[in-house]
Amino acid sequence: SSEILRTAGDGPMAEPEKFSGGGTHS
């Protein structure tokens, strides 16, 4: 996802937008 392209530090949250609707960097 776009989040993992911006950062590899998501760990298990490989595609955080699926979990929180935006991720940690939105």
PDB file of N, CA and C in Angstrom:
ATOM      1  N   SER A   1       0.832  -1.209   0.000  1.00  0.00           N
ATOM      2  CA  SER A   1       0.000   0.000   0.000  1.00  0.00           C
ATOM      3  C   SER A   1       0.860   1.250   0.000  1.00  0.00           C
ATOM      4  N   SER A   2       0.259   2.397  -0.096  1.00  0.00           N
ATOM      5  CA  SER A   2       1.007   3.654  -0.138  1.00  0.00           C
ATOM      6  C   SER A   2       1.784   3.883   1.159  1.00  0.00           C
ATOM      7  N   GLU A   3       1.228   3.396   2.273  1.00  0.00           N
ATOM      8  CA  GLU A   3       1.889   3.576   3.565  1.00  0.00           C
ATOM      9  C   GLU A   3       3.236   2.852   3.589  1.00  0.00           C
ATOM     10  N   ILE A   4       3.252   1.617   3.109  1.00  0.00           N
ATOM     11  CA  ILE A   4       4.484   0.831   3.146  1.00  0.00           C
ATOM     12  C   ILE A   4       5.512   1.357   2.147  1.00  0.00           C
ATOM     13  N   LEU A   5       5.046   2.072   1.124  1.00  0.00           N
ATOM     14  CA  LEU A   5       5.969   2.684   0.178  1.00  0.00           C
ATOM     15  C   LEU A   5       6.655   3.894   0.810  1.00  0.00           C
ATOM     16  N   ARG A   6       5.973   4.531   1.749  1.00  0.00           N
ATOM     17  CA  ARG A   6       6.541   5.709   2.414  1.00  0.00           C
ATOM     18  C   ARG A   6       7.437   5.297   3.579  1.00  0.00           C
ATOM     19  N   THR A   7       7.093   4.178   4.220  1.00  0.00           N
ATOM     20  CA  THR A   7       7.886   3.740   5.355  1.00  0.00           C
ATOM     21  C   THR A   7       7.845   2.237   5.505  1.00  0.00           C
ATOM     22  N   ALA A   8       8.975   1.651   5.886  1.00  0.00           N
ATOM     23  CA  ALA A   8       9.040   0.215   6.111  1.00  0.00           C
ATOM     24  C   ALA A   8       8.902  -0.094   7.597  1.00  0.00           C
ATOM     25  N   GLY A   9       8.615   0.929   8.391  1.00  0.00           N
ATOM     26  CA  GLY A   9       8.569   0.785   9.841  1.00  0.00           C
ATOM     27  C   GLY A   9       7.209   0.390  10.387  1.00  0.00           C
ATOM     28  N   ASP A  10       6.283  -0.016   9.503  1.00  0.00           N
ATOM     29  CA  ASP A  10       4.949  -0.386   9.963  1.00  0.00           C
ATOM     30  C   ASP A  10       4.926  -1.767  10.628  1.00  0.00           C
ATOM     31  N   GLY A  11       5.943  -2.585  10.351  1.00  0.00           N
ATOM     32  CA  GLY A  11       6.020  -3.909  10.947  1.00  0.00           C
ATOM     33  C   GLY A  11       4.840  -4.782  10.530  1.00  0.00           C
ATOM     34  N   PRO A  12       4.094  -5.327  11.505  1.00  0.00           N
ATOM     35  CA  PRO A  12       2.947  -6.191  11.209  1.00  0.00           C
ATOM     36  C   PRO A  12       1.803  -5.445  10.532  1.00  0.00           C
ATOM     37  N   MET A  13       1.813  -4.116  10.696  1.00  0.00           N
ATOM     38  CA  MET A  13       0.787  -3.286  10.072  1.00  0.00           C
ATOM     39  C   MET A  13       1.243  -2.941   8.657  1.00  0.00           C
ATOM     40  N   ALA A  14       1.395  -3.972   7.848  1.00  0.00           N
ATOM     41  CA  ALA A  14       1.943  -3.796   6.505  1.00  0.00           C
ATOM     42  C   ALA A  14       1.111  -2.833   5.680  1.00  0.00           C
ATOM     43  N   GLU A  15      -0.217  -2.887   5.856  1.00  0.00           N
ATOM     44  CA  GLU A  15      -1.103  -1.962   5.149  1.00  0.00           C
ATOM     45  C   GLU A  15      -2.080  -1.335   6.142  1.00  0.00           C
ATOM     46  N   PRO A  16      -1.576  -0.378   6.947  1.00  0.00           N
ATOM     47  CA  PRO A  16      -2.347   0.194   8.054  1.00  0.00           C
ATOM     48  C   PRO A  16      -3.649   0.864   7.646  1.00  0.00           C
ATOM     49  N   GLU A  17      -3.766   1.255   6.378  1.00  0.00           N
ATOM     50  CA  GLU A  17      -5.005   1.881   5.935  1.00  0.00           C
ATOM     51  C   GLU A  17      -6.175   0.903   5.999  1.00  0.00           C
ATOM     52  N   LYS A  18      -5.873  -0.387   5.984  1.00  0.00           N
ATOM     53  CA  LYS A  18      -6.923  -1.402   6.094  1.00  0.00           C
ATOM     54  C   LYS A  18      -7.427  -1.515   7.536  1.00  0.00           C
ATOM     55  N   PHE A  19      -6.586  -1.087   8.486  1.00  0.00           N
ATOM     56  CA  PHE A  19      -6.913  -1.253   9.892  1.00  0.00           C
ATOM     57  C   PHE A  19      -7.481   0.023  10.503  1.00  0.00           C
ATOM     58  N   SER A  20      -6.871   1.162  10.141  1.00  0.00           N
ATOM     59  CA  SER A  20      -7.275   2.414  10.776  1.00  0.00           C
ATOM     60  C   SER A  20      -7.867   3.405   9.780  1.00  0.00           C
ATOM     61  N   GLY A  21      -7.924   3.020   8.512  1.00  0.00           N
ATOM     62  CA  GLY A  21      -8.506   3.884   7.495  1.00  0.00           C
ATOM     63  C   GLY A  21      -7.562   4.980   7.034  1.00  0.00           C
ATOM     64  N   GLY A  22      -6.287   4.873   7.376  1.00  0.00           N
ATOM     65  CA  GLY A  22      -5.358   5.913   6.956  1.00  0.00           C
ATOM     66  C   GLY A  22      -3.925   5.555   7.299  1.00  0.00           C
ATOM     67  N   GLY A  23      -3.748   4.868   8.404  1.00  0.00           N
ATOM     68  CA  GLY A  23      -2.402   4.496   8.808  1.00  0.00           C
ATOM     69  C   GLY A  23      -1.770   5.544   9.703  1.00  0.00           C
ATOM     70  N   THR A  24      -0.508   5.336  10.014  1.00  0.00           N
ATOM     71  CA  THR A  24       0.169   6.187  10.983  1.00  0.00           C
ATOM     72  C   THR A  24       0.748   7.437  10.340  1.00  0.00           C
ATOM     73  N   HIS A  25       0.704   7.530   9.012  1.00  0.00           N
ATOM     74  CA  HIS A  25       1.354   8.643   8.322  1.00  0.00           C
ATOM     75  C   HIS A  25       0.373   9.501   7.534  1.00  0.00           C
ATOM     76  N   SER A  26      -0.890   9.309   7.807  1.00  0.00           N
ATOM     77  CA  SER A  26      -1.890  10.087   7.079  1.00  0.00           C
ATOM     78  C   SER A  26      -2.447  11.195   7.971  1.00  0.00           C
TER      79      SER A  26
END
